[in-house]
Amino acid sequence: VKGDGLYASIAAASILAKTYRDEHMIQLHREYPVYGW
C-alpha cells in the first residue's frame, strides 16, 4: 500500500504509466476537444 512512495521501481512504474496515459489522453482530446481531456 502506497508503494509508489516507498520503492523506486514502483515509483518509476507510476511515472511511466502516468506519462504514457497522459500522452494518450491528449491525443484523444484532439478528436473530442469538448471534454477538456
ModelCIF file with pLDDT and N, C-alpha, C, O atoms, coordinates in Angstrom:
data_MODEL
#
_entry.id   MODEL 
#
_entity.id                         1 
_entity.type                       polymer 
_entity.pdbx_number_of_molecules   1 
#
_entity_poly.entity_id                      1 
_entity_poly.type                           'polypeptide(L)' 
_entity_poly.nstd_linkage                   no 
_entity_poly.nstd_monomer                   no 
_entity_poly.pdbx_seq_one_letter_code       VKGDGLYASIAAASILAKTYRDEHMIQLHREYPVYGW 
_entity_poly.pdbx_seq_one_letter_code_can   VKGDGLYASIAAASILAKTYRDEHMIQLHREYPVYGW 
_entity_poly.pdbx_strand_id                 A 
#
loop_
_entity_poly_seq.entity_id 
_entity_poly_seq.num 
_entity_poly_seq.mon_id 
_entity_poly_seq.hetero 
1 1  VAL n 
1 2  LYS n 
1 3  GLY n 
1 4  ASP n 
1 5  GLY n 
1 6  LEU n 
1 7  TYR n 
1 8  ALA n 
1 9  SER n 
1 10 ILE n 
1 11 ALA n 
1 12 ALA n 
1 13 ALA n 
1 14 SER n 
1 15 ILE n 
1 16 LEU n 
1 17 ALA n 
1 18 LYS n 
1 19 THR n 
1 20 TYR n 
1 21 ARG n 
1 22 ASP n 
1 23 GLU n 
1 24 HIS n 
1 25 MET n 
1 26 ILE n 
1 27 GLN n 
1 28 LEU n 
1 29 HIS n 
1 30 ARG n 
1 31 GLU n 
1 32 TYR n 
1 33 PRO n 
1 34 VAL n 
1 35 TYR n 
1 36 GLY n 
1 37 TRP n 
#
_struct_asym.id          A 
_struct_asym.entity_id   1 
#
loop_
_ma_qa_metric.id 
_ma_qa_metric.mode 
_ma_qa_metric.name 
_ma_qa_metric.software_group_id 
_ma_qa_metric.type 
1 global pLDDT . pLDDT 
2 local  pLDDT . pLDDT 
#
_ma_qa_metric_global.metric_id      1 
_ma_qa_metric_global.metric_value   97.65 
_ma_qa_metric_global.model_id       1 
_ma_qa_metric_global.ordinal_id     1 
#
loop_
_ma_qa_metric_local.label_asym_id 
_ma_qa_metric_local.label_comp_id 
_ma_qa_metric_local.label_seq_id 
_ma_qa_metric_local.metric_id 
_ma_qa_metric_local.metric_value 
_ma_qa_metric_local.model_id 
_ma_qa_metric_local.ordinal_id 
A VAL 1  2 97.00 1 1  
A LYS 2  2 96.00 1 2  
A GLY 3  2 97.00 1 3  
A ASP 4  2 96.00 1 4  
A GLY 5  2 96.00 1 5  
A LEU 6  2 97.00 1 6  
A TYR 7  2 97.00 1 7  
A ALA 8  2 97.00 1 8  
A SER 9  2 98.00 1 9  
A ILE 10 2 98.00 1 10 
A ALA 11 2 97.00 1 11 
A ALA 12 2 98.00 1 12 
A ALA 13 2 98.00 1 13 
A SER 14 2 97.00 1 14 
A ILE 15 2 98.00 1 15 
A LEU 16 2 98.00 1 16 
A ALA 17 2 98.00 1 17 
A LYS 18 2 98.00 1 18 
A THR 19 2 98.00 1 19 
A TYR 20 2 98.00 1 20 
A ARG 21 2 98.00 1 21 
A ASP 22 2 98.00 1 22 
A GLU 23 2 98.00 1 23 
A HIS 24 2 98.00 1 24 
A MET 25 2 98.00 1 25 
A ILE 26 2 98.00 1 26 
A GLN 27 2 98.00 1 27 
A LEU 28 2 98.00 1 28 
A HIS 29 2 98.00 1 29 
A ARG 30 2 98.00 1 30 
A GLU 31 2 98.00 1 31 
A TYR 32 2 98.00 1 32 
A PRO 33 2 98.00 1 33 
A VAL 34 2 98.00 1 34 
A TYR 35 2 98.00 1 35 
A GLY 36 2 98.00 1 36 
A TRP 37 2 98.00 1 37 
#
loop_
_atom_site.group_PDB 
_atom_site.id 
_atom_site.type_symbol 
_atom_site.label_atom_id 
_atom_site.label_alt_id 
_atom_site.label_comp_id 
_atom_site.label_asym_id 
_atom_site.label_entity_id 
_atom_site.label_seq_id 
_atom_site.pdbx_PDB_ins_code 
_atom_site.Cartn_x 
_atom_site.Cartn_y 
_atom_site.Cartn_z 
_atom_site.occupancy 
_atom_site.B_iso_or_equiv 
_atom_site.pdbx_formal_charge 
_atom_site.auth_seq_id 
_atom_site.auth_comp_id 
_atom_site.auth_asym_id 
_atom_site.auth_atom_id 
_atom_site.pdbx_PDB_model_num 
ATOM 1   N N  . VAL A 1 1  ? 0.847   -1.190 0.000   1.00 97.00 ? 1  VAL A N  1 
ATOM 2   C CA . VAL A 1 1  ? 0.000   0.000  0.000   1.00 97.00 ? 1  VAL A CA 1 
ATOM 3   C C  . VAL A 1 1  ? 0.882   1.239  0.000   1.00 97.00 ? 1  VAL A C  1 
ATOM 4   O O  . VAL A 1 1  ? 1.812   1.349  0.799   1.00 97.00 ? 1  VAL A O  1 
ATOM 5   N N  . LYS A 1 2  ? 0.583   2.172  -0.903  1.00 96.00 ? 2  LYS A N  1 
ATOM 6   C CA . LYS A 1 2  ? 1.383   3.395  -1.097  1.00 96.00 ? 2  LYS A CA 1 
ATOM 7   C C  . LYS A 1 2  ? 2.834   3.058  -1.438  1.00 96.00 ? 2  LYS A C  1 
ATOM 8   O O  . LYS A 1 2  ? 3.767   3.766  -1.056  1.00 96.00 ? 2  LYS A O  1 
ATOM 9   N N  . GLY A 1 3  ? 2.990   1.965  -2.161  1.00 97.00 ? 3  GLY A N  1 
ATOM 10  C CA . GLY A 1 3  ? 4.338   1.515  -2.549  1.00 97.00 ? 3  GLY A CA 1 
ATOM 11  C C  . GLY A 1 3  ? 5.053   2.484  -3.457  1.00 97.00 ? 3  GLY A C  1 
ATOM 12  O O  . GLY A 1 3  ? 6.282   2.496  -3.510  1.00 97.00 ? 3  GLY A O  1 
ATOM 13  N N  . ASP A 1 4  ? 4.276   3.320  -4.194  1.00 96.00 ? 4  ASP A N  1 
ATOM 14  C CA . ASP A 1 4  ? 4.923   4.275  -5.095  1.00 96.00 ? 4  ASP A CA 1 
ATOM 15  C C  . ASP A 1 4  ? 5.638   5.396  -4.347  1.00 96.00 ? 4  ASP A C  1 
ATOM 16  O O  . ASP A 1 4  ? 6.385   6.166  -4.952  1.00 96.00 ? 4  ASP A O  1 
ATOM 17  N N  . GLY A 1 5  ? 5.418   5.491  -3.048  1.00 96.00 ? 5  GLY A N  1 
ATOM 18  C CA . GLY A 1 5  ? 6.158   6.445  -2.230  1.00 96.00 ? 5  GLY A CA 1 
ATOM 19  C C  . GLY A 1 5  ? 7.207   5.777  -1.364  1.00 96.00 ? 5  GLY A C  1 
ATOM 20  O O  . GLY A 1 5  ? 7.821   6.424  -0.516  1.00 96.00 ? 5  GLY A O  1 
ATOM 21  N N  . LEU A 1 6  ? 7.421   4.460  -1.576  1.00 97.00 ? 6  LEU A N  1 
ATOM 22  C CA . LEU A 1 6  ? 8.369   3.700  -0.753  1.00 97.00 ? 6  LEU A CA 1 
ATOM 23  C C  . LEU A 1 6  ? 9.481   3.051  -1.562  1.00 97.00 ? 6  LEU A C  1 
ATOM 24  O O  . LEU A 1 6  ? 10.629  3.005  -1.119  1.00 97.00 ? 6  LEU A O  1 
ATOM 25  N N  . TYR A 1 7  ? 9.143   2.545  -2.755  1.00 97.00 ? 7  TYR A N  1 
ATOM 26  C CA . TYR A 1 7  ? 10.098  1.776  -3.562  1.00 97.00 ? 7  TYR A CA 1 
ATOM 27  C C  . TYR A 1 7  ? 10.333  2.434  -4.907  1.00 97.00 ? 7  TYR A C  1 
ATOM 28  O O  . TYR A 1 7  ? 9.395   2.857  -5.583  1.00 97.00 ? 7  TYR A O  1 
ATOM 29  N N  . ALA A 1 8  ? 11.600  2.515  -5.285  1.00 97.00 ? 8  ALA A N  1 
ATOM 30  C CA . ALA A 1 8  ? 11.977  3.227  -6.504  1.00 97.00 ? 8  ALA A CA 1 
ATOM 31  C C  . ALA A 1 8  ? 11.339  2.613  -7.753  1.00 97.00 ? 8  ALA A C  1 
ATOM 32  O O  . ALA A 1 8  ? 10.884  3.342  -8.635  1.00 97.00 ? 8  ALA A O  1 
ATOM 33  N N  . SER A 1 9  ? 11.302  1.293  -7.834  1.00 98.00 ? 9  SER A N  1 
ATOM 34  C CA . SER A 1 9  ? 10.779  0.674  -9.058  1.00 98.00 ? 9  SER A CA 1 
ATOM 35  C C  . SER A 1 9  ? 9.273   0.881  -9.199  1.00 98.00 ? 9  SER A C  1 
ATOM 36  O O  . SER A 1 9  ? 8.774   1.011  -10.317 1.00 98.00 ? 9  SER A O  1 
ATOM 37  N N  . ILE A 1 10 ? 8.541   0.915  -8.082  1.00 98.00 ? 10 ILE A N  1 
ATOM 38  C CA . ILE A 1 10 ? 7.105   1.192  -8.163  1.00 98.00 ? 10 ILE A CA 1 
ATOM 39  C C  . ILE A 1 10 ? 6.882   2.657  -8.532  1.00 98.00 ? 10 ILE A C  1 
ATOM 40  O O  . ILE A 1 10 ? 6.007   2.964  -9.341  1.00 98.00 ? 10 ILE A O  1 
ATOM 41  N N  . ALA A 1 11 ? 7.667   3.563  -7.947  1.00 97.00 ? 11 ALA A N  1 
ATOM 42  C CA . ALA A 1 11 ? 7.562   4.982  -8.308  1.00 97.00 ? 11 ALA A CA 1 
ATOM 43  C C  . ALA A 1 11 ? 7.869   5.183  -9.783  1.00 97.00 ? 11 ALA A C  1 
ATOM 44  O O  . ALA A 1 11 ? 7.198   5.964  -10.459 1.00 97.00 ? 11 ALA A O  1 
ATOM 45  N N  . ALA A 1 12 ? 8.882   4.481  -10.285 1.00 98.00 ? 12 ALA A N  1 
ATOM 46  C CA . ALA A 1 12 ? 9.241   4.573  -11.704 1.00 98.00 ? 12 ALA A CA 1 
ATOM 47  C C  . ALA A 1 12 ? 8.091   4.069  -12.573 1.00 98.00 ? 12 ALA A C  1 
ATOM 48  O O  . ALA A 1 12 ? 7.780   4.667  -13.603 1.00 98.00 ? 12 ALA A O  1 
ATOM 49  N N  . ALA A 1 13 ? 7.462   2.971  -12.157 1.00 98.00 ? 13 ALA A N  1 
ATOM 50  C CA . ALA A 1 13 ? 6.312   2.440  -12.895 1.00 98.00 ? 13 ALA A CA 1 
ATOM 51  C C  . ALA A 1 13 ? 5.150   3.429  -12.854 1.00 98.00 ? 13 ALA A C  1 
ATOM 52  O O  . ALA A 1 13 ? 4.447   3.609  -13.848 1.00 98.00 ? 13 ALA A O  1 
ATOM 53  N N  . SER A 1 14 ? 4.952   4.061  -11.713 1.00 97.00 ? 14 SER A N  1 
ATOM 54  C CA . SER A 1 14 ? 3.916   5.070  -11.566 1.00 97.00 ? 14 SER A CA 1 
ATOM 55  C C  . SER A 1 14 ? 4.121   6.210  -12.552 1.00 97.00 ? 14 SER A C  1 
ATOM 56  O O  . SER A 1 14 ? 3.168   6.673  -13.179 1.00 97.00 ? 14 SER A O  1 
ATOM 57  N N  . ILE A 1 15 ? 5.356   6.658  -12.689 1.00 98.00 ? 15 ILE A N  1 
ATOM 58  C CA . ILE A 1 15 ? 5.681   7.764  -13.592 1.00 98.00 ? 15 ILE A CA 1 
ATOM 59  C C  . ILE A 1 15 ? 5.473   7.366  -15.049 1.00 98.00 ? 15 ILE A C  1 
ATOM 60  O O  . ILE A 1 15 ? 4.911   8.139  -15.825 1.00 98.00 ? 15 ILE A O  1 
ATOM 61  N N  . LEU A 1 16 ? 5.918   6.175  -15.427 1.00 98.00 ? 16 LEU A N  1 
ATOM 62  C CA . LEU A 1 16 ? 5.727   5.742  -16.809 1.00 98.00 ? 16 LEU A CA 1 
ATOM 63  C C  . LEU A 1 16 ? 4.246   5.574  -17.137 1.00 98.00 ? 16 LEU A C  1 
ATOM 64  O O  . LEU A 1 16 ? 3.783   6.040  -18.179 1.00 98.00 ? 16 LEU A O  1 
ATOM 65  N N  . ALA A 1 17 ? 3.505   4.913  -16.258 1.00 98.00 ? 17 ALA A N  1 
ATOM 66  C CA . ALA A 1 17 ? 2.080   4.711  -16.516 1.00 98.00 ? 17 ALA A CA 1 
ATOM 67  C C  . ALA A 1 17 ? 1.353   6.045  -16.653 1.00 98.00 ? 17 ALA A C  1 
ATOM 68  O O  . ALA A 1 17 ? 0.527   6.216  -17.550 1.00 98.00 ? 17 ALA A O  1 
ATOM 69  N N  . LYS A 1 18 ? 1.657   6.981  -15.775 1.00 98.00 ? 18 LYS A N  1 
ATOM 70  C CA . LYS A 1 18 ? 1.007   8.295  -15.792 1.00 98.00 ? 18 LYS A CA 1 
ATOM 71  C C  . LYS A 1 18 ? 1.361   9.087  -17.048 1.00 98.00 ? 18 LYS A C  1 
ATOM 72  O O  . LYS A 1 18 ? 0.473   9.649  -17.690 1.00 98.00 ? 18 LYS A O  1 
ATOM 73  N N  . THR A 1 19 ? 2.637   9.140  -17.408 1.00 98.00 ? 19 THR A N  1 
ATOM 74  C CA . THR A 1 19 ? 3.043   9.954  -18.552 1.00 98.00 ? 19 THR A CA 1 
ATOM 75  C C  . THR A 1 19 ? 2.557   9.353  -19.867 1.00 98.00 ? 19 THR A C  1 
ATOM 76  O O  . THR A 1 19 ? 2.133   10.087 -20.760 1.00 98.00 ? 19 THR A O  1 
ATOM 77  N N  . TYR A 1 20 ? 2.613   8.038  -20.000 1.00 98.00 ? 20 TYR A N  1 
ATOM 78  C CA . TYR A 1 20 ? 2.114   7.407  -21.220 1.00 98.00 ? 20 TYR A CA 1 
ATOM 79  C C  . TYR A 1 20 ? 0.606   7.624  -21.351 1.00 98.00 ? 20 TYR A C  1 
ATOM 80  O O  . TYR A 1 20 ? 0.105   7.896  -22.442 1.00 98.00 ? 20 TYR A O  1 
ATOM 81  N N  . ARG A 1 21 ? -0.111  7.501  -20.237 1.00 98.00 ? 21 ARG A N  1 
ATOM 82  C CA . ARG A 1 21 ? -1.562  7.703  -20.308 1.00 98.00 ? 21 ARG A CA 1 
ATOM 83  C C  . ARG A 1 21 ? -1.913  9.157  -20.609 1.00 98.00 ? 21 ARG A C  1 
ATOM 84  O O  . ARG A 1 21 ? -2.811  9.429  -21.406 1.00 98.00 ? 21 ARG A O  1 
ATOM 85  N N  . ASP A 1 22 ? -1.211  10.084 -19.975 1.00 98.00 ? 22 ASP A N  1 
ATOM 86  C CA . ASP A 1 22 ? -1.476  11.499 -20.245 1.00 98.00 ? 22 ASP A CA 1 
ATOM 87  C C  . ASP A 1 22 ? -1.272  11.817 -21.723 1.00 98.00 ? 22 ASP A C  1 
ATOM 88  O O  . ASP A 1 22 ? -2.070  12.546 -22.313 1.00 98.00 ? 22 ASP A O  1 
ATOM 89  N N  . GLU A 1 23 ? -0.218  11.283 -22.323 1.00 98.00 ? 23 GLU A N  1 
ATOM 90  C CA . GLU A 1 23 ? 0.022   11.485 -23.750 1.00 98.00 ? 23 GLU A CA 1 
ATOM 91  C C  . GLU A 1 23 ? -1.156  10.970 -24.578 1.00 98.00 ? 23 GLU A C  1 
ATOM 92  O O  . GLU A 1 23 ? -1.611  11.621 -25.519 1.00 98.00 ? 23 GLU A O  1 
ATOM 93  N N  . HIS A 1 24 ? -1.630  9.796  -24.205 1.00 98.00 ? 24 HIS A N  1 
ATOM 94  C CA . HIS A 1 24 ? -2.744  9.188  -24.929 1.00 98.00 ? 24 HIS A CA 1 
ATOM 95  C C  . HIS A 1 24 ? -4.002  10.047 -24.815 1.00 98.00 ? 24 HIS A C  1 
ATOM 96  O O  . HIS A 1 24 ? -4.706  10.241 -25.806 1.00 98.00 ? 24 HIS A O  1 
ATOM 97  N N  . MET A 1 25 ? -4.290  10.560 -23.626 1.00 98.00 ? 25 MET A N  1 
ATOM 98  C CA . MET A 1 25 ? -5.492  11.365 -23.439 1.00 98.00 ? 25 MET A CA 1 
ATOM 99  C C  . MET A 1 25 ? -5.401  12.697 -24.193 1.00 98.00 ? 25 MET A C  1 
ATOM 100 O O  . MET A 1 25 ? -6.421  13.224 -24.637 1.00 98.00 ? 25 MET A O  1 
ATOM 101 N N  . ILE A 1 26 ? -4.207  13.236 -24.340 1.00 98.00 ? 26 ILE A N  1 
ATOM 102 C CA . ILE A 1 26 ? -4.040  14.456 -25.132 1.00 98.00 ? 26 ILE A CA 1 
ATOM 103 C C  . ILE A 1 26 ? -4.330  14.158 -26.601 1.00 98.00 ? 26 ILE A C  1 
ATOM 104 O O  . ILE A 1 26 ? -4.902  14.994 -27.301 1.00 98.00 ? 26 ILE A O  1 
ATOM 105 N N  . GLN A 1 27 ? -3.943  12.981 -27.069 1.00 98.00 ? 27 GLN A N  1 
ATOM 106 C CA . GLN A 1 27 ? -4.278  12.583 -28.441 1.00 98.00 ? 27 GLN A CA 1 
ATOM 107 C C  . GLN A 1 27 ? -5.798  12.456 -28.608 1.00 98.00 ? 27 GLN A C  1 
ATOM 108 O O  . GLN A 1 27 ? -6.353  12.912 -29.607 1.00 98.00 ? 27 GLN A O  1 
ATOM 109 N N  . LEU A 1 28 ? -6.466  11.838 -27.629 1.00 98.00 ? 28 LEU A N  1 
ATOM 110 C CA . LEU A 1 28 ? -7.920  11.713 -27.703 1.00 98.00 ? 28 LEU A CA 1 
ATOM 111 C C  . LEU A 1 28 ? -8.595  13.076 -27.625 1.00 98.00 ? 28 LEU A C  1 
ATOM 112 O O  . LEU A 1 28 ? -9.647  13.285 -28.229 1.00 98.00 ? 28 LEU A O  1 
ATOM 113 N N  . HIS A 1 29 ? -7.996  14.000 -26.887 1.00 98.00 ? 29 HIS A N  1 
ATOM 114 C CA . HIS A 1 29 ? -8.547  15.359 -26.780 1.00 98.00 ? 29 HIS A CA 1 
ATOM 115 C C  . HIS A 1 29 ? -8.640  16.016 -28.150 1.00 98.00 ? 29 HIS A C  1 
ATOM 116 O O  . HIS A 1 29 ? -9.580  16.766 -28.414 1.00 98.00 ? 29 HIS A O  1 
ATOM 117 N N  . ARG A 1 30 ? -7.680  15.745 -29.019 1.00 98.00 ? 30 ARG A N  1 
ATOM 118 C CA . ARG A 1 30 ? -7.705  16.355 -30.351 1.00 98.00 ? 30 ARG A CA 1 
ATOM 119 C C  . ARG A 1 30 ? -8.907  15.862 -31.153 1.00 98.00 ? 30 ARG A C  1 
ATOM 120 O O  . ARG A 1 30 ? -9.414  16.565 -32.027 1.00 98.00 ? 30 ARG A O  1 
ATOM 121 N N  . GLU A 1 31 ? -9.351  14.656 -30.846 1.00 98.00 ? 31 GLU A N  1 
ATOM 122 C CA . GLU A 1 31 ? -10.515 14.091 -31.523 1.00 98.00 ? 31 GLU A CA 1 
ATOM 123 C C  . GLU A 1 31 ? -11.823 14.592 -30.898 1.00 98.00 ? 31 GLU A C  1 
ATOM 124 O O  . GLU A 1 31 ? -12.802 14.836 -31.603 1.00 98.00 ? 31 GLU A O  1 
ATOM 125 N N  . TYR A 1 32 ? -11.826 14.740 -29.566 1.00 98.00 ? 32 TYR A N  1 
ATOM 126 C CA . TYR A 1 32 ? -13.023 15.184 -28.838 1.00 98.00 ? 32 TYR A CA 1 
ATOM 127 C C  . TYR A 1 32 ? -12.641 16.311 -27.860 1.00 98.00 ? 32 TYR A C  1 
ATOM 128 O O  . TYR A 1 32 ? -12.571 16.078 -26.654 1.00 98.00 ? 32 TYR A O  1 
ATOM 129 N N  . PRO A 1 33 ? -12.396 17.521 -28.368 1.00 98.00 ? 33 PRO A N  1 
ATOM 130 C CA . PRO A 1 33 ? -11.882 18.603 -27.508 1.00 98.00 ? 33 PRO A CA 1 
ATOM 131 C C  . PRO A 1 33 ? -12.884 19.130 -26.488 1.00 98.00 ? 33 PRO A C  1 
ATOM 132 O O  . PRO A 1 33 ? -12.485 19.809 -25.541 1.00 98.00 ? 33 PRO A O  1 
ATOM 133 N N  . VAL A 1 34 ? -14.184 18.837 -26.654 1.00 98.00 ? 34 VAL A N  1 
ATOM 134 C CA . VAL A 1 34 ? -15.183 19.463 -25.772 1.00 98.00 ? 34 VAL A CA 1 
ATOM 135 C C  . VAL A 1 34 ? -15.060 19.020 -24.322 1.00 98.00 ? 34 VAL A C  1 
ATOM 136 O O  . VAL A 1 34 ? -15.553 19.711 -23.431 1.00 98.00 ? 34 VAL A O  1 
ATOM 137 N N  . TYR A 1 35 ? -14.409 17.876 -24.059 1.00 98.00 ? 35 TYR A N  1 
ATOM 138 C CA . TYR A 1 35 ? -14.360 17.343 -22.694 1.00 98.00 ? 35 TYR A CA 1 
ATOM 139 C C  . TYR A 1 35 ? -13.148 17.842 -21.882 1.00 98.00 ? 35 TYR A C  1 
ATOM 140 O O  . TYR A 1 35 ? -13.058 17.587 -20.681 1.00 98.00 ? 35 TYR A O  1 
ATOM 141 N N  . GLY A 1 36 ? -12.237 18.539 -22.532 1.00 98.00 ? 36 GLY A N  1 
ATOM 142 C CA . GLY A 1 36 ? -11.081 19.070 -21.806 1.00 98.00 ? 36 GLY A CA 1 
ATOM 143 C C  . GLY A 1 36 ? -10.093 18.023 -21.351 1.00 98.00 ? 36 GLY A C  1 
ATOM 144 O O  . GLY A 1 36 ? -9.462  18.185 -20.307 1.00 98.00 ? 36 GLY A O  1 
ATOM 145 N N  . TRP A 1 37 ? -9.944  16.952 -22.110 1.00 98.00 ? 37 TRP A N  1 
ATOM 146 C CA . TRP A 1 37 ? -9.051  15.864 -21.688 1.00 98.00 ? 37 TRP A CA 1 
ATOM 147 C C  . TRP A 1 37 ? -7.585  16.260 -21.662 1.00 98.00 ? 37 TRP A C  1 
ATOM 148 O O  . TRP A 1 37 ? -6.730  15.441 -21.326 1.00 98.00 ? 37 TRP A O  1 
#
